[in-house]
Amino acid sequence: MVRSLHKFLVSSLALVAAGFLFTAPASAAGDPVRGKTLGYTCLGCHGIETYKNVYPTYSVPKLRGQHAEYIVAALKEYRDSQRGHATMHAHASTLSDQDMQDIAAYMAGGEVKTAGGAPVGKPPAAVATCQACHGQDGVGIMGMYPTLSGQHADYLMQALNDYRKGVRKNAIMAPFAAQLKPEEIKEVAEYFARQKPSLLTVPTKEKVLTAAK
């Protein structure tokens, strides 16, 4: 099954490169100072280390160190109901594209960079397919691919199950997750949660540097 998943992903990535599945978002520098003001309410969940979504219960994702481009893409998916979460949809629906850029610049901070060393622990078989986009140690190889390194395992499990159920819609992730067994989802999530360097919870008190002009 791993071989078929890998073959599927390679062909899908070829379509991505050709522009059939995704259109790369226009790059625009976000202002983290403005983003901290706009994103103040975000810290009520993403700024608390042990905070969990009420139902279903899982840890809210760590965002400090995440690719800012991916955070923007995720917010747009919540806004456009490509991801099912009532609170996130309501919040994202109030934001302009520039608001999202600014919030992402603040929440991401300095993006995690791959250490380039050996991964922590032996990768389970299903991870081989994931590494094509998310890197050997879970650091997304491009801004559009989320970094998974050090992310909460229960959040990663929830995300994969949401792709399986169609709660999240994505041309690559949905069919990939649909082929995973529950035990494989658990193995993949726990593997990436162990990796270093790690994503972090956004600190609620910090000095934010003005965005470069």
Protein backbone atom coordinates (compact mmCIF):
# COMPACT_ATOMS: atom_id res chain seq x y z
CA MET A 1 0.00 0.00 0.00
CA VAL A 2 2.89 2.36 0.76
CA ARG A 3 4.18 1.94 -2.78
CA SER A 4 0.77 2.78 -4.26
CA LEU A 5 0.46 5.82 -1.99
CA HIS A 6 3.89 7.03 -3.04
CA LYS A 7 3.05 6.54 -6.72
CA PHE A 8 -0.20 8.47 -6.23
CA LEU A 9 1.57 11.35 -4.52
CA VAL A 10 4.26 11.63 -7.19
CA SER A 11 1.63 11.88 -9.92
CA SER A 12 -0.38 14.38 -7.86
CA LEU A 13 2.65 16.57 -7.26
CA ALA A 14 3.26 16.63 -10.99
CA LEU A 15 -0.23 18.07 -11.41
CA VAL A 16 0.49 20.62 -8.71
CA ALA A 17 3.60 21.72 -10.54
CA ALA A 18 1.58 22.03 -13.73
CA GLY A 19 -0.93 24.22 -11.93
CA PHE A 20 -3.92 21.90 -12.25
CA LEU A 21 -4.65 21.40 -8.55
CA PHE A 22 -3.46 24.59 -6.89
CA THR A 23 -2.76 28.18 -7.72
CA ALA A 24 0.14 29.53 -5.70
CA PRO A 25 -0.96 32.53 -3.63
CA ALA A 26 0.56 35.87 -4.47
CA SER A 27 3.33 36.63 -2.00
CA ALA A 28 2.88 39.67 0.18
CA ALA A 29 4.82 40.52 3.29
CA GLY A 30 2.63 40.58 6.34
CA ASP A 31 3.11 43.11 9.12
CA PRO A 32 3.59 41.24 12.43
CA VAL A 33 2.96 44.38 14.51
CA ARG A 34 -0.48 44.86 12.97
CA GLY A 35 -0.92 41.08 13.05
CA LYS A 36 -0.39 40.97 16.80
CA THR A 37 -3.22 43.48 17.26
CA LEU A 38 -5.53 41.67 14.86
CA GLY A 39 -4.61 38.27 16.22
CA TYR A 40 -5.12 39.09 19.88
CA THR A 41 -8.21 36.90 20.11
CA CYS A 42 -6.30 34.02 18.49
CA LEU A 43 -4.13 33.79 21.60
CA GLY A 44 -7.16 32.72 23.63
CA CYS A 45 -6.62 29.27 22.09
CA HIS A 46 -3.26 29.29 20.28
CA GLY A 47 -1.44 31.08 23.09
CA ILE A 48 -2.25 28.51 25.79
CA GLU A 49 0.05 25.49 25.86
CA THR A 50 -2.51 22.96 27.11
CA TYR A 51 -5.64 24.37 25.45
CA LYS A 52 -7.91 21.86 23.74
CA ASN A 53 -10.78 22.07 21.30
CA VAL A 54 -14.00 21.33 23.18
CA TYR A 55 -15.62 18.78 20.85
CA PRO A 56 -14.16 16.73 19.42
CA THR A 57 -11.43 17.06 22.03
CA TYR A 58 -7.91 17.56 20.70
CA SER A 59 -5.04 20.00 21.26
CA VAL A 60 -5.22 23.22 19.26
CA PRO A 61 -2.27 23.37 16.85
CA LYS A 62 1.04 25.03 17.63
CA LEU A 63 1.62 27.90 15.18
CA ARG A 64 4.91 29.52 16.21
CA GLY A 65 7.43 28.40 13.59
CA GLN A 66 4.78 27.38 11.03
CA HIS A 67 5.10 28.63 7.45
CA ALA A 68 3.23 31.94 7.26
CA GLU A 69 2.07 31.06 3.74
CA TYR A 70 0.43 27.92 5.06
CA ILE A 71 -1.33 29.80 7.89
CA VAL A 72 -2.82 32.16 5.29
CA ALA A 73 -3.93 29.20 3.16
CA ALA A 74 -5.54 27.54 6.19
CA LEU A 75 -7.42 30.71 7.14
CA LYS A 76 -8.77 30.99 3.60
CA GLU A 77 -9.90 27.38 3.72
CA TYR A 78 -11.75 28.00 6.98
CA ARG A 79 -13.31 31.14 5.47
CA ASP A 80 -14.38 29.26 2.34
CA SER A 81 -15.73 26.25 4.31
CA GLN A 82 -13.05 23.94 2.93
CA ARG A 83 -12.35 23.08 6.57
CA GLY A 84 -15.17 22.38 8.97
CA HIS A 85 -14.80 24.32 12.22
CA ALA A 86 -17.55 26.77 13.19
CA THR A 87 -15.41 29.08 15.34
CA MET A 88 -12.56 29.29 12.82
CA HIS A 89 -15.01 29.84 9.96
CA ALA A 90 -16.72 32.70 11.81
CA HIS A 91 -13.41 34.34 12.66
CA ALA A 92 -11.79 33.90 9.24
CA SER A 93 -14.91 35.27 7.54
CA THR A 94 -14.26 38.67 9.13
CA LEU A 95 -10.69 38.93 7.79
CA SER A 96 -9.42 40.49 4.58
CA ASP A 97 -6.57 38.83 2.68
CA GLN A 98 -4.17 41.42 4.09
CA ASP A 99 -5.47 40.79 7.61
CA MET A 100 -4.62 37.12 7.13
CA GLN A 101 -1.12 37.97 5.87
CA ASP A 102 -0.49 40.15 8.91
CA ILE A 103 -1.85 37.64 11.43
CA ALA A 104 0.19 34.87 9.82
CA ALA A 105 3.37 36.96 9.99
CA TYR A 106 2.86 37.44 13.72
CA MET A 107 1.70 33.93 14.60
CA ALA A 108 4.46 32.23 12.61
CA GLY A 109 7.29 34.39 13.92
CA GLY A 110 10.58 32.90 12.73
CA GLU A 111 9.75 29.81 10.70
CA VAL A 112 11.23 26.47 11.80
CA LYS A 113 14.18 25.41 9.64
CA THR A 114 15.13 21.80 9.09
CA ALA A 115 18.08 20.57 11.13
CA GLY A 116 19.08 18.26 8.31
CA GLY A 117 20.06 15.44 10.65
CA ALA A 118 18.71 11.98 11.26
CA PRO A 119 15.02 11.86 12.25
CA VAL A 120 14.01 11.06 15.82
CA GLY A 121 12.99 7.41 15.88
CA LYS A 122 12.36 5.00 13.05
CA PRO A 123 9.82 6.34 10.52
CA PRO A 124 6.77 4.08 10.10
CA ALA A 125 6.18 2.85 6.57
CA ALA A 126 3.32 5.28 5.84
CA VAL A 127 5.57 8.28 6.58
CA ALA A 128 7.58 7.68 3.40
CA THR A 129 4.80 9.27 1.35
CA CYS A 130 4.39 12.21 3.74
CA GLN A 131 8.08 13.12 3.52
CA ALA A 132 7.78 14.15 -0.13
CA CYS A 133 6.00 17.34 1.00
CA HIS A 134 6.56 17.53 4.75
CA GLY A 135 10.25 16.66 4.77
CA GLN A 136 12.11 13.88 6.54
CA ASP A 137 11.89 15.66 9.89
CA GLY A 138 8.45 17.20 9.36
CA VAL A 139 9.54 20.64 8.16
CA GLY A 140 7.46 21.48 5.07
CA ILE A 141 9.69 21.75 2.02
CA MET A 142 7.72 24.72 0.66
CA GLY A 143 5.60 27.43 2.28
CA MET A 144 2.39 25.84 1.02
CA TYR A 145 3.16 22.59 2.88
CA PRO A 146 2.66 22.75 6.66
CA THR A 147 5.48 21.97 9.04
CA LEU A 148 4.52 19.04 11.27
CA SER A 149 7.65 18.79 13.39
CA GLY A 150 6.78 18.80 17.09
CA GLN A 151 3.06 19.37 16.42
CA HIS A 152 0.59 17.85 18.89
CA ALA A 153 0.04 14.20 17.93
CA ASP A 154 -3.68 14.32 18.75
CA TYR A 155 -4.12 17.35 16.49
CA LEU A 156 -2.36 15.58 13.61
CA MET A 157 -4.58 12.56 14.12
CA GLN A 158 -7.67 14.78 14.08
CA ALA A 159 -6.52 16.49 10.88
CA LEU A 160 -5.89 13.20 9.08
CA ASN A 161 -9.26 11.84 10.18
CA ASP A 162 -10.94 15.06 9.01
CA TYR A 163 -9.40 14.55 5.57
CA ARG A 164 -10.66 10.97 5.58
CA LYS A 165 -14.20 12.08 6.45
CA GLY A 166 -14.28 15.03 4.05
CA VAL A 167 -14.43 17.57 6.87
CA ARG A 168 -11.30 19.01 5.30
CA LYS A 169 -11.14 19.11 1.52
CA ASN A 170 -7.82 18.78 -0.27
CA ALA A 171 -7.07 17.13 -3.60
CA ILE A 172 -3.94 15.39 -2.29
CA MET A 173 -4.55 14.85 1.41
CA ALA A 174 -8.10 13.46 1.19
CA PRO A 175 -7.30 10.39 -0.96
CA PHE A 176 -4.03 9.83 0.90
CA ALA A 177 -5.69 9.84 4.33
CA ALA A 178 -8.55 7.67 3.05
CA GLN A 179 -6.11 4.82 2.45
CA LEU A 180 -4.59 4.92 5.95
CA LYS A 181 -5.67 2.54 8.66
CA PRO A 182 -6.41 3.98 12.12
CA GLU A 183 -3.20 2.49 13.50
CA GLU A 184 -1.20 4.05 10.64
CA ILE A 185 -2.71 7.47 11.35
CA LYS A 186 -1.61 7.12 14.97
CA GLU A 187 1.91 6.06 13.94
CA VAL A 188 2.30 8.95 11.49
CA ALA A 189 1.04 11.51 14.00
CA GLU A 190 3.25 10.28 16.82
CA TYR A 191 6.30 10.15 14.56
CA PHE A 192 6.02 13.78 13.44
CA ALA A 193 5.17 14.92 16.98
CA ARG A 194 8.56 13.56 18.14
CA GLN A 195 10.62 15.39 15.53
CA LYS A 196 12.97 18.32 16.13
CA PRO A 197 13.16 21.28 15.74
CA SER A 198 9.69 21.72 17.15
CA LEU A 199 6.80 24.04 16.49
CA LEU A 200 5.85 26.05 19.58
CA THR A 201 2.80 27.59 21.17
CA VAL A 202 2.69 31.34 20.45
CA PRO A 203 3.87 33.19 23.59
CA THR A 204 1.26 35.58 24.95
CA LYS A 205 3.87 38.13 26.02
CA GLU A 206 6.61 39.12 23.61
CA LYS A 207 8.13 42.04 21.79
CA VAL A 208 7.27 42.10 18.09
CA LEU A 209 9.75 43.60 15.64
CA THR A 210 8.40 45.93 12.97
CA ALA A 211 8.11 44.26 9.59
CA ALA A 212 10.88 45.06 7.16
CA LYS A 213 9.89 47.51 4.47
